[in-house]
Amino acid sequence: MGRPRVTLGFPEGKRRGAGAHEPSGRPVRLARGLAGYYRSFTRGASCRDSSTTWDYRSYRYTLGLKAIVRSGMIKVVNSAISSGPV
């Protein structure tokens, strides 16, 4: 048996296809006037990371982090958006 895999989070960016569905989660305002969707982490046998998803031009970005509250997640996402080209 292998050891359980533990992560601190994940970044993701991919081209948004035609007919892409709206991300799930609570609507939030992000840097540069972007709209995003925040999903809180879950606890239990199958823990889910907190995540925020936003669209910019033809790409969809998602950042997930372990057990971070909404205000902290928004700060991290806004820093990522403001730090470089999106």
C-alpha atoms as a PDB file:
ATOM      1  CA  MET A   1       0.000   0.000   0.000  1.00  0.00           C
ATOM      2  CA  GLY A   2       1.100   3.525  -0.722  1.00  0.00           C
ATOM      3  CA  ARG A   3       0.963   6.444   1.610  1.00  0.00           C
ATOM      4  CA  PRO A   4      -1.983   8.833   1.438  1.00  0.00           C
ATOM      5  CA  ARG A   5      -1.306  11.838  -0.757  1.00  0.00           C
ATOM      6  CA  VAL A   6      -1.456  15.160   1.062  1.00  0.00           C
ATOM      7  CA  THR A   7      -1.479  18.486  -0.753  1.00  0.00           C
ATOM      8  CA  LEU A   8      -1.589  22.108   0.323  1.00  0.00           C
ATOM      9  CA  GLY A   9      -3.738  23.074  -2.628  1.00  0.00           C
ATOM     10  CA  PHE A  10      -3.751  23.385  -6.385  1.00  0.00           C
ATOM     11  CA  PRO A  11      -3.661  25.977  -9.178  1.00  0.00           C
ATOM     12  CA  GLU A  12      -5.415  25.304 -12.464  1.00  0.00           C
ATOM     13  CA  GLY A  13      -5.920  27.229 -15.675  1.00  0.00           C
ATOM     14  CA  LYS A  14      -7.432  25.916 -18.863  1.00  0.00           C
ATOM     15  CA  ARG A  15      -9.139  27.139 -21.998  1.00  0.00           C
ATOM     16  CA  ARG A  16     -12.858  27.479 -21.434  1.00  0.00           C
ATOM     17  CA  GLY A  17     -14.797  25.590 -24.052  1.00  0.00           C
ATOM     18  CA  ALA A  18     -17.983  26.691 -25.760  1.00  0.00           C
ATOM     19  CA  GLY A  19     -21.005  26.033 -23.577  1.00  0.00           C
ATOM     20  CA  ALA A  20     -18.973  25.908 -20.350  1.00  0.00           C
ATOM     21  CA  HIS A  21     -21.236  25.866 -17.302  1.00  0.00           C
ATOM     22  CA  GLU A  22     -21.137  28.512 -14.585  1.00  0.00           C
ATOM     23  CA  PRO A  23     -18.853  27.477 -11.733  1.00  0.00           C
ATOM     24  CA  SER A  24     -20.596  26.446  -8.536  1.00  0.00           C
ATOM     25  CA  GLY A  25     -20.111  28.345  -5.306  1.00  0.00           C
ATOM     26  CA  ARG A  26     -20.832  31.669  -3.685  1.00  0.00           C
ATOM     27  CA  PRO A  27     -20.328  34.705  -5.969  1.00  0.00           C
ATOM     28  CA  VAL A  28     -17.409  36.949  -4.913  1.00  0.00           C
ATOM     29  CA  ARG A  29     -15.806  40.121  -6.319  1.00  0.00           C
ATOM     30  CA  LEU A  30     -12.134  39.825  -7.199  1.00  0.00           C
ATOM     31  CA  ALA A  31      -9.293  42.152  -8.202  1.00  0.00           C
ATOM     32  CA  ARG A  32      -9.526  43.929 -11.560  1.00  0.00           C
ATOM     33  CA  GLY A  33     -13.331  43.787 -11.327  1.00  0.00           C
ATOM     34  CA  LEU A  34     -13.451  40.055 -12.028  1.00  0.00           C
ATOM     35  CA  ALA A  35     -16.325  37.927 -10.776  1.00  0.00           C
ATOM     36  CA  GLY A  36     -15.466  34.675  -9.037  1.00  0.00           C
ATOM     37  CA  TYR A  37     -17.107  31.793  -7.206  1.00  0.00           C
ATOM     38  CA  TYR A  38     -15.912  30.609  -3.790  1.00  0.00           C
ATOM     39  CA  ARG A  39     -16.494  27.082  -2.480  1.00  0.00           C
ATOM     40  CA  SER A  40     -15.747  26.370   1.164  1.00  0.00           C
ATOM     41  CA  PHE A  41     -13.722  23.377   2.279  1.00  0.00           C
ATOM     42  CA  THR A  42     -15.448  20.316   3.699  1.00  0.00           C
ATOM     43  CA  ARG A  43     -14.385  18.013   6.510  1.00  0.00           C
ATOM     44  CA  GLY A  44     -14.883  14.314   6.820  1.00  0.00           C
ATOM     45  CA  ALA A  45     -13.777  11.139   5.106  1.00  0.00           C
ATOM     46  CA  SER A  46     -13.481  12.959   1.798  1.00  0.00           C
ATOM     47  CA  CYS A  47     -12.191  16.458   2.533  1.00  0.00           C
ATOM     48  CA  ARG A  48     -12.474  19.072  -0.198  1.00  0.00           C
ATOM     49  CA  ASP A  49     -10.176  22.090  -0.513  1.00  0.00           C
ATOM     50  CA  SER A  50     -11.540  25.619  -0.454  1.00  0.00           C
ATOM     51  CA  SER A  51     -11.498  26.907  -4.008  1.00  0.00           C
ATOM     52  CA  THR A  52     -12.172  30.031  -6.016  1.00  0.00           C
ATOM     53  CA  THR A  53     -12.888  29.930  -9.758  1.00  0.00           C
ATOM     54  CA  TRP A  54     -12.954  32.867 -12.165  1.00  0.00           C
ATOM     55  CA  ASP A  55     -12.992  33.419 -15.913  1.00  0.00           C
ATOM     56  CA  TYR A  56     -10.770  35.826 -17.809  1.00  0.00           C
ATOM     57  CA  ARG A  57     -10.999  36.100 -21.558  1.00  0.00           C
ATOM     58  CA  SER A  58     -11.184  32.548 -22.898  1.00  0.00           C
ATOM     59  CA  TYR A  59      -9.655  30.868 -19.827  1.00  0.00           C
ATOM     60  CA  ARG A  60     -11.023  29.524 -16.563  1.00  0.00           C
ATOM     61  CA  TYR A  61      -8.775  29.667 -13.507  1.00  0.00           C
ATOM     62  CA  THR A  62      -9.214  27.827 -10.220  1.00  0.00           C
ATOM     63  CA  LEU A  63      -7.127  28.081  -7.076  1.00  0.00           C
ATOM     64  CA  GLY A  64      -7.683  25.575  -4.277  1.00  0.00           C
ATOM     65  CA  LEU A  65      -6.157  25.676  -0.805  1.00  0.00           C
ATOM     66  CA  LYS A  66      -6.501  23.498   2.275  1.00  0.00           C
ATOM     67  CA  ALA A  67      -8.937  24.659   4.961  1.00  0.00           C
ATOM     68  CA  ILE A  68      -8.744  28.390   4.243  1.00  0.00           C
ATOM     69  CA  VAL A  69     -11.675  30.661   5.076  1.00  0.00           C
ATOM     70  CA  ARG A  70     -13.333  32.879   2.469  1.00  0.00           C
ATOM     71  CA  SER A  71     -11.575  36.140   3.409  1.00  0.00           C
ATOM     72  CA  GLY A  72      -8.137  34.492   3.319  1.00  0.00           C
ATOM     73  CA  MET A  73      -8.850  32.800  -0.001  1.00  0.00           C
ATOM     74  CA  ILE A  74      -9.974  36.066  -1.597  1.00  0.00           C
ATOM     75  CA  LYS A  75      -6.730  37.757  -0.456  1.00  0.00           C
ATOM     76  CA  VAL A  76      -4.618  34.984  -2.006  1.00  0.00           C
ATOM     77  CA  VAL A  77      -6.587  34.993  -5.274  1.00  0.00           C
ATOM     78  CA  ASN A  78      -6.477  38.799  -5.534  1.00  0.00           C
ATOM     79  CA  SER A  79      -2.708  38.699  -4.983  1.00  0.00           C
ATOM     80  CA  ALA A  80      -2.331  36.147  -7.783  1.00  0.00           C
ATOM     81  CA  ILE A  81      -4.509  38.196 -10.151  1.00  0.00           C
ATOM     82  CA  SER A  82      -2.710  41.459  -9.335  1.00  0.00           C
ATOM     83  CA  SER A  83       0.802  39.977  -9.511  1.00  0.00           C
ATOM     84  CA  GLY A  84       0.957  39.182 -13.160  1.00  0.00           C
ATOM     85  CA  PRO A  85      -0.725  38.742 -16.454  1.00  0.00           C
ATOM     86  CA  VAL A  86      -3.953  36.827 -16.238  1.00  0.00           C
END
